Amino acid sequence: MDSSAVRAAMVRKLQAQGISHPAVIAAMLAVERHRFVDSALVNQAYEDTSLPIGQGQTISKPNVVARMVELLCQSSPQPLGRVLEIGTGCGYQAAVLSRVAREVYSVERIRALHDKARDNLRALRVPNLHLIFGDGMVGFAQGAPYAGIIAAAGGNDLPAAWIDQLAVGGRLVAPAVTAQGRQNLVVVDKTARGIVRTELEAVHFVPLKSGIA
């Protein structure tokens, strides 16, 4: 596989779909998605589709990763400061985030996925990325406050701990169930005057769960 060529083709599609932030485009070009999927699925690694990674979880579509990371980047001059990711999964989005933020803390509640992400990322030697095994619903207070928080799972609402751990001037991007019962992408900006919440397009993420497994 000429991964650089297929990655470039993937990024051209992302740009055609509206992704334009230079840092996000550079990150999506740099991170090799095929390193994060099972060997049987390598030929699908650069298609705009979610793929199973085990434990009933998936790696998000490239378009969704790029969209959410771009929303995070739009809130702050580059690079972002500290960023918290809820739901490491296989580690792909964490690797992308490490390219646009000074420091990334990524929390995963499923031990098998935490270990898989660590294995996937080991060869990349990403010094600014910290993987934590724990309950993402409580965030990771030790790294707070965060310039950005991004979640790869959606619940009925956004946990208060995430808002508490967001810095003033920071932004949270996550799926959440709306009053109409749909799961939408939600952006929360924390300002000196309070919280500004914006609901965007419909999305489909795995459920947000508490505890560890």
N, C-alpha and C. Protein backbone atom coordinates (compact mmCIF):
# COMPACT_ATOMS: atom_id res chain seq x y z
N MET A 1 0.84 -1.21 0.00
CA MET A 1 0.00 0.00 0.00
C MET A 1 0.87 1.26 0.00
N ASP A 2 0.63 2.16 -0.96
CA ASP A 2 1.28 3.47 -0.93
C ASP A 2 0.42 4.36 -0.06
N SER A 3 0.67 4.29 1.25
CA SER A 3 -0.24 4.96 2.19
C SER A 3 -0.24 6.47 2.01
N SER A 4 0.88 7.06 1.62
CA SER A 4 0.91 8.51 1.45
C SER A 4 -0.02 8.95 0.33
N ALA A 5 -0.08 8.16 -0.74
CA ALA A 5 -0.94 8.51 -1.88
C ALA A 5 -2.41 8.38 -1.51
N VAL A 6 -2.77 7.28 -0.85
CA VAL A 6 -4.19 7.10 -0.50
C VAL A 6 -4.59 8.07 0.62
N ARG A 7 -3.65 8.42 1.47
CA ARG A 7 -3.95 9.41 2.51
C ARG A 7 -4.18 10.78 1.87
N ALA A 8 -3.38 11.11 0.88
CA ALA A 8 -3.57 12.38 0.18
C ALA A 8 -4.93 12.41 -0.51
N ALA A 9 -5.33 11.28 -1.09
CA ALA A 9 -6.65 11.21 -1.73
C ALA A 9 -7.76 11.38 -0.70
N MET A 10 -7.57 10.77 0.48
CA MET A 10 -8.54 10.92 1.56
C MET A 10 -8.68 12.39 1.96
N VAL A 11 -7.54 13.07 2.07
CA VAL A 11 -7.56 14.47 2.49
C VAL A 11 -8.21 15.35 1.42
N ARG A 12 -7.98 15.05 0.16
CA ARG A 12 -8.66 15.82 -0.89
C ARG A 12 -10.17 15.70 -0.77
N LYS A 13 -10.64 14.50 -0.43
CA LYS A 13 -12.08 14.31 -0.22
C LYS A 13 -12.56 15.12 0.98
N LEU A 14 -11.75 15.13 2.05
CA LEU A 14 -12.12 15.91 3.23
C LEU A 14 -12.22 17.39 2.89
N GLN A 15 -11.29 17.87 2.09
CA GLN A 15 -11.32 19.28 1.68
C GLN A 15 -12.56 19.56 0.84
N ALA A 16 -12.92 18.62 -0.03
CA ALA A 16 -14.12 18.79 -0.85
C ALA A 16 -15.38 18.81 0.02
N GLN A 17 -15.30 18.15 1.19
CA GLN A 17 -16.43 18.12 2.13
C GLN A 17 -16.43 19.32 3.07
N GLY A 18 -15.44 20.22 2.93
CA GLY A 18 -15.45 21.45 3.70
C GLY A 18 -14.38 21.60 4.76
N ILE A 19 -13.54 20.59 4.95
CA ILE A 19 -12.45 20.71 5.93
C ILE A 19 -11.39 21.62 5.35
N SER A 20 -11.02 22.68 6.09
CA SER A 20 -10.10 23.67 5.51
C SER A 20 -9.00 24.14 6.45
N HIS A 21 -9.08 23.81 7.74
CA HIS A 21 -8.08 24.31 8.68
C HIS A 21 -6.70 23.70 8.36
N PRO A 22 -5.68 24.54 8.13
CA PRO A 22 -4.37 24.02 7.73
C PRO A 22 -3.78 23.00 8.69
N ALA A 23 -3.92 23.23 10.00
CA ALA A 23 -3.35 22.30 10.98
C ALA A 23 -4.05 20.95 10.94
N VAL A 24 -5.36 20.97 10.71
CA VAL A 24 -6.12 19.72 10.64
C VAL A 24 -5.76 18.95 9.38
N ILE A 25 -5.66 19.65 8.27
CA ILE A 25 -5.28 19.00 7.02
C ILE A 25 -3.90 18.37 7.15
N ALA A 26 -2.96 19.10 7.75
CA ALA A 26 -1.61 18.57 7.93
C ALA A 26 -1.61 17.34 8.83
N ALA A 27 -2.42 17.36 9.88
CA ALA A 27 -2.49 16.22 10.80
C ALA A 27 -3.10 15.01 10.13
N MET A 28 -4.16 15.22 9.36
CA MET A 28 -4.81 14.09 8.68
C MET A 28 -3.89 13.49 7.60
N LEU A 29 -3.05 14.33 7.01
CA LEU A 29 -2.07 13.84 6.04
C LEU A 29 -0.97 13.04 6.72
N ALA A 30 -0.61 13.45 7.93
CA ALA A 30 0.55 12.86 8.60
C ALA A 30 0.26 11.53 9.29
N VAL A 31 -0.93 11.40 9.88
CA VAL A 31 -1.22 10.21 10.70
C VAL A 31 -1.71 9.06 9.82
N GLU A 32 -1.04 7.94 9.93
CA GLU A 32 -1.33 6.78 9.09
C GLU A 32 -2.47 5.96 9.71
N ARG A 33 -3.67 6.14 9.17
CA ARG A 33 -4.84 5.49 9.76
C ARG A 33 -4.76 3.96 9.70
N HIS A 34 -4.07 3.43 8.70
CA HIS A 34 -4.02 1.97 8.56
C HIS A 34 -3.28 1.31 9.73
N ARG A 35 -2.48 2.08 10.46
CA ARG A 35 -1.79 1.54 11.64
C ARG A 35 -2.74 1.28 12.80
N PHE A 36 -3.95 1.81 12.71
CA PHE A 36 -4.88 1.75 13.84
C PHE A 36 -6.06 0.81 13.60
N VAL A 37 -6.08 0.14 12.47
CA VAL A 37 -7.17 -0.80 12.19
C VAL A 37 -6.61 -2.22 12.10
N ASP A 38 -7.47 -3.20 12.27
CA ASP A 38 -7.05 -4.59 12.18
C ASP A 38 -6.53 -4.90 10.78
N SER A 39 -5.59 -5.83 10.70
CA SER A 39 -4.94 -6.14 9.42
C SER A 39 -5.94 -6.53 8.33
N ALA A 40 -7.03 -7.18 8.71
CA ALA A 40 -8.03 -7.60 7.73
C ALA A 40 -8.77 -6.42 7.11
N LEU A 41 -8.68 -5.24 7.75
CA LEU A 41 -9.42 -4.07 7.29
C LEU A 41 -8.51 -2.99 6.71
N VAL A 42 -7.23 -3.30 6.55
CA VAL A 42 -6.26 -2.30 6.11
C VAL A 42 -6.67 -1.66 4.78
N ASN A 43 -7.21 -2.45 3.87
CA ASN A 43 -7.58 -1.91 2.55
C ASN A 43 -8.73 -0.92 2.62
N GLN A 44 -9.44 -0.89 3.75
CA GLN A 44 -10.53 0.07 3.94
C GLN A 44 -10.12 1.25 4.82
N ALA A 45 -8.87 1.29 5.22
CA ALA A 45 -8.43 2.25 6.23
C ALA A 45 -8.65 3.70 5.82
N TYR A 46 -8.56 4.01 4.53
CA TYR A 46 -8.67 5.40 4.10
C TYR A 46 -10.00 5.72 3.43
N GLU A 47 -10.93 4.78 3.53
CA GLU A 47 -12.29 5.08 3.08
C GLU A 47 -13.00 5.89 4.16
N ASP A 48 -13.97 6.69 3.75
CA ASP A 48 -14.68 7.53 4.73
C ASP A 48 -15.78 6.71 5.40
N THR A 49 -15.33 5.77 6.21
CA THR A 49 -16.26 4.89 6.91
C THR A 49 -15.71 4.55 8.28
N SER A 50 -16.61 4.28 9.22
CA SER A 50 -16.19 3.79 10.52
C SER A 50 -15.90 2.30 10.40
N LEU A 51 -15.00 1.81 11.24
CA LEU A 51 -14.60 0.40 11.18
C LEU A 51 -14.56 -0.17 12.59
N PRO A 52 -14.89 -1.46 12.75
CA PRO A 52 -14.85 -2.06 14.08
C PRO A 52 -13.42 -2.20 14.60
N ILE A 53 -13.24 -1.95 15.90
CA ILE A 53 -11.92 -2.10 16.52
C ILE A 53 -11.96 -3.08 17.69
N GLY A 54 -13.11 -3.77 17.85
CA GLY A 54 -13.24 -4.72 18.94
C GLY A 54 -13.98 -4.12 20.12
N GLN A 55 -14.42 -4.99 21.03
CA GLN A 55 -15.12 -4.56 22.25
C GLN A 55 -16.39 -3.76 21.95
N GLY A 56 -16.98 -3.99 20.76
CA GLY A 56 -18.20 -3.28 20.40
C GLY A 56 -17.99 -1.81 20.06
N GLN A 57 -16.74 -1.42 19.80
CA GLN A 57 -16.41 -0.03 19.51
C GLN A 57 -15.94 0.12 18.07
N THR A 58 -15.86 1.36 17.60
CA THR A 58 -15.44 1.63 16.23
C THR A 58 -14.43 2.76 16.18
N ILE A 59 -13.66 2.79 15.10
CA ILE A 59 -12.85 3.95 14.77
C ILE A 59 -13.74 4.86 13.93
N SER A 60 -13.82 6.13 14.30
CA SER A 60 -14.72 7.06 13.61
C SER A 60 -14.28 7.29 12.17
N LYS A 61 -15.24 7.69 11.34
CA LYS A 61 -14.94 8.05 9.95
C LYS A 61 -13.93 9.19 9.93
N PRO A 62 -13.02 9.21 8.95
CA PRO A 62 -12.07 10.32 8.84
C PRO A 62 -12.76 11.68 8.82
N ASN A 63 -13.89 11.77 8.13
CA ASN A 63 -14.60 13.04 8.05
C ASN A 63 -15.07 13.51 9.42
N VAL A 64 -15.51 12.59 10.25
CA VAL A 64 -15.99 12.95 11.59
C VAL A 64 -14.82 13.39 12.47
N VAL A 65 -13.71 12.67 12.39
CA VAL A 65 -12.52 13.05 13.15
C VAL A 65 -12.06 14.45 12.74
N ALA A 66 -11.93 14.66 11.43
CA ALA A 66 -11.47 15.96 10.94
C ALA A 66 -12.44 17.08 11.32
N ARG A 67 -13.72 16.82 11.21
CA ARG A 67 -14.73 17.83 11.55
C ARG A 67 -14.64 18.23 13.01
N MET A 68 -14.54 17.24 13.91
CA MET A 68 -14.52 17.54 15.34
C MET A 68 -13.21 18.22 15.75
N VAL A 69 -12.10 17.76 15.19
CA VAL A 69 -10.82 18.39 15.51
C VAL A 69 -10.78 19.81 14.96
N GLU A 70 -11.35 20.01 13.77
CA GLU A 70 -11.39 21.36 13.20
C GLU A 70 -12.23 22.30 14.08
N LEU A 71 -13.36 21.82 14.58
CA LEU A 71 -14.17 22.64 15.48
C LEU A 71 -13.38 23.03 16.72
N LEU A 72 -12.56 22.12 17.21
CA LEU A 72 -11.72 22.41 18.37
C LEU A 72 -10.68 23.46 18.02
N CYS A 73 -10.04 23.31 16.86
CA CYS A 73 -8.98 24.23 16.45
C CYS A 73 -9.50 25.63 16.16
N GLN A 74 -10.73 25.73 15.71
CA GLN A 74 -11.29 27.04 15.37
C GLN A 74 -11.46 27.94 16.58
N SER A 75 -11.40 27.34 17.78
CA SER A 75 -11.65 28.11 18.99
C SER A 75 -10.41 28.79 19.53
N SER A 76 -9.24 28.51 18.96
CA SER A 76 -8.00 28.95 19.60
C SER A 76 -6.90 29.12 18.56
N PRO A 77 -5.96 30.05 18.82
CA PRO A 77 -4.78 30.12 17.96
C PRO A 77 -4.01 28.80 18.03
N GLN A 78 -3.28 28.50 16.98
CA GLN A 78 -2.51 27.26 16.97
C GLN A 78 -1.17 27.45 17.66
N PRO A 79 -0.62 26.43 18.28
CA PRO A 79 -1.32 25.17 18.55
C PRO A 79 -2.23 25.31 19.76
N LEU A 80 -3.15 24.38 19.90
CA LEU A 80 -3.97 24.33 21.10
C LEU A 80 -3.07 24.03 22.30
N GLY A 81 -3.55 24.36 23.48
CA GLY A 81 -2.81 24.01 24.69
C GLY A 81 -3.08 22.57 25.07
N ARG A 82 -3.49 22.34 26.31
CA ARG A 82 -3.82 20.98 26.74
C ARG A 82 -5.21 20.59 26.25
N VAL A 83 -5.31 19.37 25.74
CA VAL A 83 -6.58 18.84 25.24
C VAL A 83 -6.87 17.51 25.93
N LEU A 84 -8.13 17.31 26.29
CA LEU A 84 -8.60 16.06 26.87
C LEU A 84 -9.47 15.33 25.86
N GLU A 85 -9.15 14.06 25.61
CA GLU A 85 -9.98 13.23 24.75
C GLU A 85 -10.67 12.18 25.60
N ILE A 86 -11.98 12.07 25.44
CA ILE A 86 -12.76 11.04 26.13
C ILE A 86 -13.02 9.90 25.15
N GLY A 87 -12.44 8.74 25.43
CA GLY A 87 -12.60 7.59 24.55
C GLY A 87 -11.44 7.45 23.58
N THR A 88 -10.35 6.87 24.05
CA THR A 88 -9.16 6.70 23.20
C THR A 88 -9.44 5.77 22.03
N GLY A 89 -10.23 4.71 22.29
CA GLY A 89 -10.46 3.72 21.25
C GLY A 89 -9.15 3.10 20.81
N CYS A 90 -8.89 3.12 19.50
CA CYS A 90 -7.66 2.53 18.97
C CYS A 90 -6.50 3.50 18.97
N GLY A 91 -6.77 4.79 19.29
CA GLY A 91 -5.70 5.78 19.38
C GLY A 91 -5.55 6.70 18.19
N TYR A 92 -6.36 6.49 17.14
CA TYR A 92 -6.19 7.29 15.92
C TYR A 92 -6.45 8.78 16.15
N GLN A 93 -7.60 9.10 16.72
CA GLN A 93 -7.91 10.51 16.93
C GLN A 93 -6.93 11.15 17.90
N ALA A 94 -6.46 10.39 18.89
CA ALA A 94 -5.46 10.90 19.82
C ALA A 94 -4.19 11.29 19.07
N ALA A 95 -3.79 10.46 18.10
CA ALA A 95 -2.61 10.77 17.30
C ALA A 95 -2.81 12.04 16.48
N VAL A 96 -4.02 12.21 15.92
CA VAL A 96 -4.33 13.43 15.17
C VAL A 96 -4.27 14.64 16.11
N LEU A 97 -4.87 14.51 17.28
CA LEU A 97 -4.87 15.61 18.25
C LEU A 97 -3.46 16.00 18.66
N SER A 98 -2.58 15.01 18.77
CA SER A 98 -1.20 15.30 19.19
C SER A 98 -0.48 16.19 18.20
N ARG A 99 -1.00 16.28 16.98
CA ARG A 99 -0.41 17.13 15.95
C ARG A 99 -0.91 18.57 16.00
N VAL A 100 -2.01 18.80 16.70
CA VAL A 100 -2.59 20.15 16.73
C VAL A 100 -2.60 20.75 18.13
N ALA A 101 -2.18 19.99 19.13
CA ALA A 101 -2.19 20.47 20.52
C ALA A 101 -0.81 20.27 21.14
N ARG A 102 -0.50 21.11 22.12
CA ARG A 102 0.79 20.98 22.80
C ARG A 102 0.84 19.74 23.66
N GLU A 103 -0.31 19.39 24.27
CA GLU A 103 -0.35 18.23 25.15
C GLU A 103 -1.74 17.61 25.08
N VAL A 104 -1.80 16.27 25.03
CA VAL A 104 -3.07 15.56 24.93
C VAL A 104 -3.15 14.51 26.02
N TYR A 105 -4.27 14.51 26.74
CA TYR A 105 -4.59 13.46 27.71
C TYR A 105 -5.79 12.71 27.14
N SER A 106 -5.66 11.40 26.99
CA SER A 106 -6.73 10.60 26.40
C SER A 106 -7.13 9.49 27.35
N VAL A 107 -8.43 9.44 27.69
CA VAL A 107 -8.95 8.51 28.68
C VAL A 107 -9.77 7.43 28.00
N GLU A 108 -9.51 6.17 28.36
CA GLU A 108 -10.27 5.04 27.85
C GLU A 108 -10.72 4.15 29.00
N ARG A 109 -12.00 3.78 29.01
CA ARG A 109 -12.57 2.99 30.11
C ARG A 109 -12.45 1.48 29.90
N ILE A 110 -12.17 1.04 28.68
CA ILE A 110 -12.07 -0.39 28.39
C ILE A 110 -10.59 -0.78 28.33
N ARG A 111 -10.17 -1.63 29.25
CA ARG A 111 -8.75 -1.97 29.37
C ARG A 111 -8.17 -2.52 28.06
N ALA A 112 -8.92 -3.39 27.38
CA ALA A 112 -8.40 -3.99 26.15
C ALA A 112 -8.13 -2.93 25.08
N LEU A 113 -8.97 -1.90 25.01
CA LEU A 113 -8.75 -0.83 24.03
C LEU A 113 -7.62 0.08 24.46
N HIS A 114 -7.54 0.37 25.75
CA HIS A 114 -6.42 1.16 26.27
C HIS A 114 -5.10 0.50 25.89
N ASP A 115 -5.02 -0.81 26.09
CA ASP A 115 -3.79 -1.54 25.76
C ASP A 115 -3.54 -1.55 24.26
N LYS A 116 -4.62 -1.70 23.47
CA LYS A 116 -4.47 -1.69 22.01
C LYS A 116 -3.95 -0.34 21.52
N ALA A 117 -4.52 0.74 22.06
CA ALA A 117 -4.07 2.08 21.67
C ALA A 117 -2.60 2.28 22.02
N ARG A 118 -2.21 1.82 23.20
CA ARG A 118 -0.81 1.95 23.62
C ARG A 118 0.10 1.21 22.64
N ASP A 119 -0.31 0.01 22.23
CA ASP A 119 0.48 -0.75 21.26
C ASP A 119 0.53 -0.03 19.91
N ASN A 120 -0.61 0.49 19.46
CA ASN A 120 -0.67 1.18 18.18
C ASN A 120 0.21 2.43 18.15
N LEU A 121 0.27 3.12 19.28
CA LEU A 121 0.98 4.40 19.35
C LEU A 121 2.45 4.27 19.71
N ARG A 122 2.83 3.11 20.23
CA ARG A 122 4.21 2.96 20.73
C ARG A 122 5.24 3.28 19.66
N ALA A 123 5.05 2.76 18.46
CA ALA A 123 6.03 2.96 17.39
C ALA A 123 6.09 4.41 16.93
N LEU A 124 5.02 5.17 17.17
CA LEU A 124 4.98 6.56 16.72
C LEU A 124 5.74 7.50 17.66
N ARG A 125 5.96 7.05 18.89
CA ARG A 125 6.73 7.83 19.87
C ARG A 125 6.21 9.26 19.95
N VAL A 126 5.05 9.41 20.52
CA VAL A 126 4.39 10.72 20.62
C VAL A 126 4.57 11.23 22.05
N PRO A 127 5.56 12.08 22.31
CA PRO A 127 5.88 12.47 23.69
C PRO A 127 4.83 13.35 24.35
N ASN A 128 4.00 14.02 23.56
CA ASN A 128 3.01 14.93 24.15
C ASN A 128 1.64 14.29 24.34
N LEU A 129 1.57 12.96 24.20
CA LEU A 129 0.31 12.23 24.33
C LEU A 129 0.36 11.30 25.53
N HIS A 130 -0.61 11.46 26.43
CA HIS A 130 -0.66 10.67 27.66
C HIS A 130 -1.94 9.84 27.65
N LEU A 131 -1.80 8.51 27.73
CA LEU A 131 -2.94 7.61 27.74
C LEU A 131 -3.30 7.23 29.17
N ILE A 132 -4.58 7.34 29.51
CA ILE A 132 -5.05 7.06 30.86
C ILE A 132 -6.15 6.01 30.80
N PHE A 133 -6.03 4.98 31.64
CA PHE A 133 -7.10 4.00 31.79
C PHE A 133 -7.99 4.47 32.93
N GLY A 134 -9.25 4.79 32.62
CA GLY A 134 -10.13 5.28 33.66
C GLY A 134 -11.51 5.60 33.11
N ASP A 135 -12.33 6.16 33.96
CA ASP A 135 -13.71 6.52 33.63
C ASP A 135 -13.74 7.90 32.99
N GLY A 136 -14.00 7.93 31.70
CA GLY A 136 -14.00 9.20 30.99
C GLY A 136 -15.09 10.16 31.43
N MET A 137 -16.16 9.66 32.02
CA MET A 137 -17.24 10.54 32.44
C MET A 137 -16.80 11.51 33.53
N VAL A 138 -15.74 11.16 34.26
CA VAL A 138 -15.24 12.07 35.30
C VAL A 138 -14.08 12.91 34.77
N GLY A 139 -13.76 12.76 33.48
CA GLY A 139 -12.67 13.53 32.90
C GLY A 139 -11.33 13.08 33.44
N PHE A 140 -10.40 14.04 33.53
CA PHE A 140 -9.08 13.77 34.11
C PHE A 140 -8.61 15.07 34.76
N ALA A 141 -8.98 15.22 36.04
CA ALA A 141 -8.76 16.48 36.75
C ALA A 141 -7.29 16.86 36.84
N GLN A 142 -6.41 15.85 36.86
CA GLN A 142 -4.98 16.14 37.04
C GLN A 142 -4.40 16.99 35.91
N GLY A 143 -4.99 16.93 34.73
CA GLY A 143 -4.48 17.72 33.61
C GLY A 143 -5.21 19.03 33.39
N ALA A 144 -6.28 19.25 34.12
CA ALA A 144 -7.13 20.43 33.93
C ALA A 144 -6.41 21.70 34.41
N PRO A 145 -6.84 22.87 33.89
CA PRO A 145 -7.93 23.08 32.92
C PRO A 145 -7.46 22.83 31.49
N TYR A 146 -8.41 22.50 30.64
CA TYR A 146 -8.11 22.15 29.25
C TYR A 146 -8.58 23.24 28.28
N ALA A 147 -7.75 23.49 27.28
CA ALA A 147 -8.15 24.41 26.21
C ALA A 147 -9.22 23.79 25.33
N GLY A 148 -9.21 22.46 25.28
CA GLY A 148 -10.20 21.75 24.48
C GLY A 148 -10.51 20.39 25.06
N ILE A 149 -11.75 19.96 24.92
CA ILE A 149 -12.17 18.61 25.30
C ILE A 149 -12.97 18.05 24.14
N ILE A 150 -12.68 16.80 23.78
CA ILE A 150 -13.36 16.16 22.66
C ILE A 150 -13.77 14.76 23.09
N ALA A 151 -14.99 14.36 22.76
CA ALA A 151 -15.50 13.06 23.20
C ALA A 151 -15.91 12.21 22.01
N ALA A 152 -15.61 10.92 22.11
CA ALA A 152 -15.92 9.97 21.04
C ALA A 152 -17.07 9.05 21.42
N ALA A 153 -17.90 9.50 22.36
CA ALA A 153 -19.09 8.75 22.76
C ALA A 153 -20.14 9.75 23.22
N GLY A 154 -21.41 9.39 23.05
CA GLY A 154 -22.47 10.34 23.35
C GLY A 154 -23.46 9.84 24.37
N GLY A 155 -23.81 10.71 25.31
CA GLY A 155 -24.79 10.38 26.33
C GLY A 155 -25.99 11.30 26.26
N ASN A 156 -26.85 11.20 27.26
CA ASN A 156 -28.04 12.05 27.30
C ASN A 156 -27.69 13.51 27.53
N ASP A 157 -26.57 13.75 28.18
CA ASP A 157 -26.10 15.12 28.35
C ASP A 157 -24.60 15.09 28.58
N LEU A 158 -24.01 16.26 28.67
CA LEU A 158 -22.57 16.37 28.87
C LEU A 158 -22.27 16.36 30.36
N PRO A 159 -21.39 15.48 30.83
CA PRO A 159 -21.07 15.42 32.25
C PRO A 159 -20.56 16.75 32.78
N ALA A 160 -21.00 17.10 33.98
CA ALA A 160 -20.59 18.37 34.60
C ALA A 160 -19.08 18.43 34.77
N ALA A 161 -18.44 17.28 35.00
CA ALA A 161 -16.99 17.26 35.20
C ALA A 161 -16.26 17.80 33.98
N TRP A 162 -16.79 17.54 32.79
CA TRP A 162 -16.13 18.04 31.59
C TRP A 162 -16.18 19.56 31.55
N ILE A 163 -17.34 20.12 31.86
CA ILE A 163 -17.48 21.57 31.86
C ILE A 163 -16.57 22.18 32.92
N ASP A 164 -16.53 21.57 34.08
CA ASP A 164 -15.69 22.07 35.18
C ASP A 164 -14.22 22.08 34.78
N GLN A 165 -13.79 21.07 34.02
CA GLN A 165 -12.37 20.95 33.68
C GLN A 165 -11.98 21.74 32.44
N LEU A 166 -12.94 22.38 31.81
CA LEU A 166 -12.68 23.22 30.64
C LEU A 166 -12.21 24.60 31.10
N ALA A 167 -11.14 25.09 30.51
CA ALA A 167 -10.63 26.42 30.85
C ALA A 167 -11.58 27.49 30.32
N VAL A 168 -11.57 28.66 30.96
CA VAL A 168 -12.28 29.80 30.40
C VAL A 168 -11.62 30.14 29.07
N GLY A 169 -12.42 30.25 28.04
CA GLY A 169 -11.90 30.42 26.69
C GLY A 169 -11.75 29.11 25.95
N GLY A 170 -12.03 28.00 26.65
CA GLY A 170 -11.89 26.67 26.05
C GLY A 170 -13.16 26.22 25.35
N ARG A 171 -13.03 25.14 24.62
CA ARG A 171 -14.16 24.61 23.84
C ARG A 171 -14.26 23.10 24.02
N LEU A 172 -15.50 22.63 24.16
CA LEU A 172 -15.82 21.21 24.24
C LEU A 172 -16.60 20.81 22.99
N VAL A 173 -16.19 19.72 22.36
CA VAL A 173 -16.88 19.20 21.18
C VAL A 173 -17.25 17.75 21.47
N ALA A 174 -18.54 17.44 21.44
CA ALA A 174 -18.98 16.09 21.81
C ALA A 174 -20.37 15.82 21.24
N PRO A 175 -20.69 14.55 21.03
CA PRO A 175 -22.07 14.20 20.70
C PRO A 175 -22.92 14.17 21.96
N ALA A 176 -24.17 14.56 21.82
CA ALA A 176 -25.10 14.50 22.96
C ALA A 176 -26.52 14.38 22.42
N VAL A 177 -27.39 13.79 23.21
CA VAL A 177 -28.79 13.64 22.83
C VAL A 177 -29.52 14.96 23.07
N THR A 178 -30.23 15.44 22.05
CA THR A 178 -30.94 16.70 22.15
C THR A 178 -32.31 16.51 22.80
N ALA A 179 -33.01 17.62 22.99
CA ALA A 179 -34.35 17.57 23.58
C ALA A 179 -35.31 16.78 22.68
N GLN A 180 -35.00 16.71 21.40
CA GLN A 180 -35.84 15.97 20.45
C GLN A 180 -35.50 14.48 20.41
N GLY A 181 -34.52 14.07 21.23
CA GLY A 181 -34.16 12.66 21.29
C GLY A 181 -33.16 12.20 20.25
N ARG A 182 -32.61 13.14 19.48
CA ARG A 182 -31.61 12.80 18.48
C ARG A 182 -30.20 13.04 19.04
N GLN A 183 -29.24 12.33 18.47
CA GLN A 183 -27.85 12.57 18.86
C GLN A 183 -27.25 13.57 17.88
N ASN A 184 -26.84 14.71 18.41
CA ASN A 184 -26.25 15.76 17.58
C ASN A 184 -24.86 16.10 18.09
N LEU A 185 -24.06 16.67 17.20
CA LEU A 185 -22.77 17.20 17.62
C LEU A 185 -23.03 18.51 18.35
N VAL A 186 -22.40 18.66 19.51
CA VAL A 186 -22.61 19.83 20.35
C VAL A 186 -21.27 20.52 20.60
N VAL A 187 -21.27 21.83 20.50
CA VAL A 187 -20.09 22.63 20.83
C VAL A 187 -20.42 23.49 22.05
N VAL A 188 -19.58 23.42 23.06
CA VAL A 188 -19.75 24.24 24.26
C VAL A 188 -18.53 25.15 24.40
N ASP A 189 -18.76 26.45 24.40
CA ASP A 189 -17.70 27.43 24.64
C ASP A 189 -17.86 27.98 26.04
N LYS A 190 -16.76 27.95 26.80
CA LYS A 190 -16.78 28.45 28.17
C LYS A 190 -16.18 29.85 28.18
N THR A 191 -17.01 30.83 28.46
CA THR A 191 -16.56 32.22 28.46
C THR A 191 -16.58 32.77 29.88
N ALA A 192 -16.02 33.96 30.03
CA ALA A 192 -16.02 34.60 31.34
C ALA A 192 -17.45 34.89 31.80
N ARG A 193 -18.37 34.98 30.87
CA ARG A 193 -19.77 35.28 31.20
C ARG A 193 -20.61 34.02 31.40
N GLY A 194 -20.06 32.87 31.04
CA GLY A 194 -20.82 31.63 31.20
C GLY A 194 -20.62 30.68 30.04
N ILE A 195 -21.57 29.78 29.88
CA ILE A 195 -21.49 28.71 28.90
C ILE A 195 -22.35 29.04 27.67
N VAL A 196 -21.78 28.87 26.50
CA VAL A 196 -22.51 29.03 25.24
C VAL A 196 -22.55 27.67 24.55
N ARG A 197 -23.75 27.15 24.36
CA ARG A 197 -23.92 25.81 23.77
C ARG A 197 -24.53 25.93 22.38
N THR A 198 -23.92 25.26 21.41
CA THR A 198 -24.39 25.28 20.03
C THR A 198 -24.60 23.85 19.55
N GLU A 199 -25.79 23.56 19.05
CA GLU A 199 -26.07 22.22 18.52
C GLU A 199 -25.91 22.24 17.01
N LEU A 200 -25.16 21.26 16.50
CA LEU A 200 -24.86 21.18 15.08
C LEU A 200 -25.55 19.96 14.46
N GLU A 201 -24.90 19.33 13.50
CA GLU A 201 -25.54 18.27 12.73
C GLU A 201 -25.74 16.98 13.51
N ALA A 202 -26.63 16.15 13.00
CA ALA A 202 -26.88 14.84 13.60
C ALA A 202 -25.66 13.94 13.39
N VAL A 203 -25.36 13.13 14.40
CA VAL A 203 -24.24 12.19 14.33
C VAL A 203 -24.68 10.86 14.95
N HIS A 204 -23.81 9.86 14.82
CA HIS A 204 -24.12 8.57 15.43
C HIS A 204 -22.85 8.02 16.07
N PHE A 205 -22.78 8.13 17.39
CA PHE A 205 -21.63 7.64 18.15
C PHE A 205 -22.07 6.52 19.09
N VAL A 206 -21.09 5.74 19.54
CA VAL A 206 -21.38 4.71 20.53
C VAL A 206 -21.83 5.39 21.83
N PRO A 207 -22.59 4.69 22.68
CA PRO A 207 -23.09 5.30 23.92
C PRO A 207 -21.97 5.63 24.90
N LEU A 208 -22.13 6.74 25.59
CA LEU A 208 -21.22 7.12 26.67
C LEU A 208 -21.58 6.31 27.91
N LYS A 209 -20.59 5.63 28.48
CA LYS A 209 -20.82 4.80 29.66
C LYS A 209 -19.88 5.19 30.78
N SER A 210 -20.32 4.92 32.01
CA SER A 210 -19.49 5.21 33.17
C SER A 210 -18.76 3.96 33.63
N GLY A 211 -17.79 4.16 34.51
CA GLY A 211 -17.06 3.03 35.07
C GLY A 211 -15.98 2.53 34.13
N ILE A 212 -15.31 1.45 34.54
CA ILE A 212 -14.26 0.85 33.72
C ILE A 212 -14.61 -0.61 33.43
N ALA A 213 -14.01 -1.14 32.39
CA ALA A 213 -14.32 -2.51 31.98
C ALA A 213 -13.06 -3.22 31.50
